[in-house]
Amino acid sequence: MNFDADHAVAPNLPIQTNSLNMGYYWKDNALVFDPNHANESGRYLGSLICYAILFKLSPEKLKYQPKEVPADFAAYLRSVAAKQ
C-alpha cells in the first residue's frame, strides 16, 4: 500500500527502509520531512567513506555495524564506500 502524505494519520509513517536521511516523522501532531540530517545508516556510510579516504583501506572488511542498520544493508554500504 502506498503512503499518502496528504492524508496521513499519526503515528503512521511511510516505509523508510534503507533510507540515509531522517525522513518522515511526527512532531506536534504534524507530519514532518527532514531530508537534511543523516539517520544511523547515513552516518554509518559517512564514517565508512571517511575511513576509506583517511586510511586508504577498503571498509568492506570492517566488522562493526550499528545495531539499527540491518546486516545486509550494512554490507551494501561498505561495498559502496569501498568504491569511492
C-alpha atoms as a PDB file:
ATOM      1  CA  MET A   1       0.000   0.000   0.000  1.00  0.00           C
ATOM      2  CA  ASN A   2       1.330   3.457  -0.892  1.00  0.00           C
ATOM      3  CA  PHE A   3       1.683   6.123   1.751  1.00  0.00           C
ATOM      4  CA  ASP A   4      -0.354   9.289   1.152  1.00  0.00           C
ATOM      5  CA  ALA A   5       1.386  12.156   2.956  1.00  0.00           C
ATOM      6  CA  ASP A   6      -1.545  14.489   2.260  1.00  0.00           C
ATOM      7  CA  HIS A   7      -3.905  12.245   4.234  1.00  0.00           C
ATOM      8  CA  ALA A   8      -1.524  10.767   6.803  1.00  0.00           C
ATOM      9  CA  VAL A   9      -2.748   9.844  10.268  1.00  0.00           C
ATOM     10  CA  ALA A  10      -0.418   9.747  13.272  1.00  0.00           C
ATOM     11  CA  PRO A  11       1.508   7.632  14.082  1.00  0.00           C
ATOM     12  CA  ASN A  12       1.597   6.031  10.607  1.00  0.00           C
ATOM     13  CA  LEU A  13       4.737   6.606   8.550  1.00  0.00           C
ATOM     14  CA  PRO A  14       5.856   5.525   5.093  1.00  0.00           C
ATOM     15  CA  ILE A  15       8.281   2.643   4.766  1.00  0.00           C
ATOM     16  CA  GLN A  16      11.736   4.192   5.086  1.00  0.00           C
ATOM     17  CA  THR A  17      13.857   1.063   4.904  1.00  0.00           C
ATOM     18  CA  ASN A  18      17.335   1.740   3.515  1.00  0.00           C
ATOM     19  CA  SER A  19      16.890   5.483   3.742  1.00  0.00           C
ATOM     20  CA  LEU A  20      20.001   7.529   4.512  1.00  0.00           C
ATOM     21  CA  ASN A  21      18.261  10.601   5.926  1.00  0.00           C
ATOM     22  CA  MET A  22      15.936  11.146   8.863  1.00  0.00           C
ATOM     23  CA  GLY A  23      12.939  11.180   6.548  1.00  0.00           C
ATOM     24  CA  TYR A  24       9.377  11.450   7.819  1.00  0.00           C
ATOM     25  CA  TYR A  25       8.430  11.760  11.490  1.00  0.00           C
ATOM     26  CA  TRP A  26       5.615  13.220  13.555  1.00  0.00           C
ATOM     27  CA  LYS A  27       6.111  16.437  15.550  1.00  0.00           C
ATOM     28  CA  ASP A  28       3.286  18.238  17.360  1.00  0.00           C
ATOM     29  CA  ASN A  29       0.706  16.126  15.512  1.00  0.00           C
ATOM     30  CA  ALA A  30       2.105  17.210  12.117  1.00  0.00           C
ATOM     31  CA  LEU A  31       3.928  15.046   9.588  1.00  0.00           C
ATOM     32  CA  VAL A  32       7.412  16.477   9.035  1.00  0.00           C
ATOM     33  CA  PHE A  33      10.056  15.525   6.460  1.00  0.00           C
ATOM     34  CA  ASP A  34      13.754  16.021   7.227  1.00  0.00           C
ATOM     35  CA  PRO A  35      15.914  15.481   4.115  1.00  0.00           C
ATOM     36  CA  ASN A  36      18.950  17.260   5.590  1.00  0.00           C
ATOM     37  CA  HIS A  37      20.065  15.137   8.520  1.00  0.00           C
ATOM     38  CA  ALA A  38      21.524  11.663   8.269  1.00  0.00           C
ATOM     39  CA  ASN A  39      19.956   8.761  10.114  1.00  0.00           C
ATOM     40  CA  GLU A  40      22.043   5.904  11.545  1.00  0.00           C
ATOM     41  CA  SER A  41      22.595   4.376   8.087  1.00  0.00           C
ATOM     42  CA  GLY A  42      23.632   7.722   6.609  1.00  0.00           C
ATOM     43  CA  ARG A  43      26.066   8.388   9.455  1.00  0.00           C
ATOM     44  CA  TYR A  44      27.471   4.877   9.048  1.00  0.00           C
ATOM     45  CA  LEU A  45      28.021   5.424   5.311  1.00  0.00           C
ATOM     46  CA  GLY A  46      29.727   8.752   6.007  1.00  0.00           C
ATOM     47  CA  SER A  47      32.066   7.135   8.514  1.00  0.00           C
ATOM     48  CA  LEU A  48      32.881   4.317   6.084  1.00  0.00           C
ATOM     49  CA  ILE A  49      33.792   6.825   3.371  1.00  0.00           C
ATOM     50  CA  CYS A  50      35.982   8.787   5.801  1.00  0.00           C
ATOM     51  CA  TYR A  51      37.685   5.542   6.858  1.00  0.00           C
ATOM     52  CA  ALA A  52      38.396   4.610   3.232  1.00  0.00           C
ATOM     53  CA  ILE A  53      39.801   8.040   2.404  1.00  0.00           C
ATOM     54  CA  LEU A  54      41.833   8.589   5.563  1.00  0.00           C
ATOM     55  CA  PHE A  55      43.350   5.129   5.850  1.00  0.00           C
ATOM     56  CA  LYS A  56      43.337   4.225   2.142  1.00  0.00           C
ATOM     57  CA  LEU A  57      41.829   0.865   3.114  1.00  0.00           C
ATOM     58  CA  SER A  58      38.670  -0.850   1.999  1.00  0.00           C
ATOM     59  CA  PRO A  59      35.902  -0.669   4.615  1.00  0.00           C
ATOM     60  CA  GLU A  60      34.477  -3.968   3.326  1.00  0.00           C
ATOM     61  CA  LYS A  61      36.463  -5.932   5.927  1.00  0.00           C
ATOM     62  CA  LEU A  62      35.275  -3.880   8.900  1.00  0.00           C
ATOM     63  CA  LYS A  63      33.205  -5.868  11.393  1.00  0.00           C
ATOM     64  CA  TYR A  64      31.426  -3.022  13.209  1.00  0.00           C
ATOM     65  CA  GLN A  65      27.899  -2.160  12.210  1.00  0.00           C
ATOM     66  CA  PRO A  66      25.345  -0.092  14.127  1.00  0.00           C
ATOM     67  CA  LYS A  67      22.589  -2.208  15.645  1.00  0.00           C
ATOM     68  CA  GLU A  68      19.998  -0.035  13.856  1.00  0.00           C
ATOM     69  CA  VAL A  69      21.422  -0.936  10.420  1.00  0.00           C
ATOM     70  CA  PRO A  70      20.428  -4.369   9.056  1.00  0.00           C
ATOM     71  CA  ALA A  71      23.381  -6.649   8.261  1.00  0.00           C
ATOM     72  CA  ASP A  72      22.631  -6.902   4.539  1.00  0.00           C
ATOM     73  CA  PHE A  73      22.272  -3.128   4.163  1.00  0.00           C
ATOM     74  CA  ALA A  74      25.454  -2.538   6.210  1.00  0.00           C
ATOM     75  CA  ALA A  75      27.351  -4.875   3.851  1.00  0.00           C
ATOM     76  CA  TYR A  76      25.960  -2.955   0.877  1.00  0.00           C
ATOM     77  CA  LEU A  77      27.026   0.388   2.403  1.00  0.00           C
ATOM     78  CA  ARG A  78      30.547  -0.988   2.994  1.00  0.00           C
ATOM     79  CA  SER A  79      30.739  -2.034  -0.666  1.00  0.00           C
ATOM     80  CA  VAL A  80      29.546   1.412  -1.795  1.00  0.00           C
ATOM     81  CA  ALA A  81      32.128   3.166   0.389  1.00  0.00           C
ATOM     82  CA  ALA A  82      34.853   0.903  -0.964  1.00  0.00           C
ATOM     83  CA  LYS A  83      34.206   2.262  -4.464  1.00  0.00           C
ATOM     84  CA  GLN A  84      34.952   5.883  -3.562  1.00  0.00           C
END
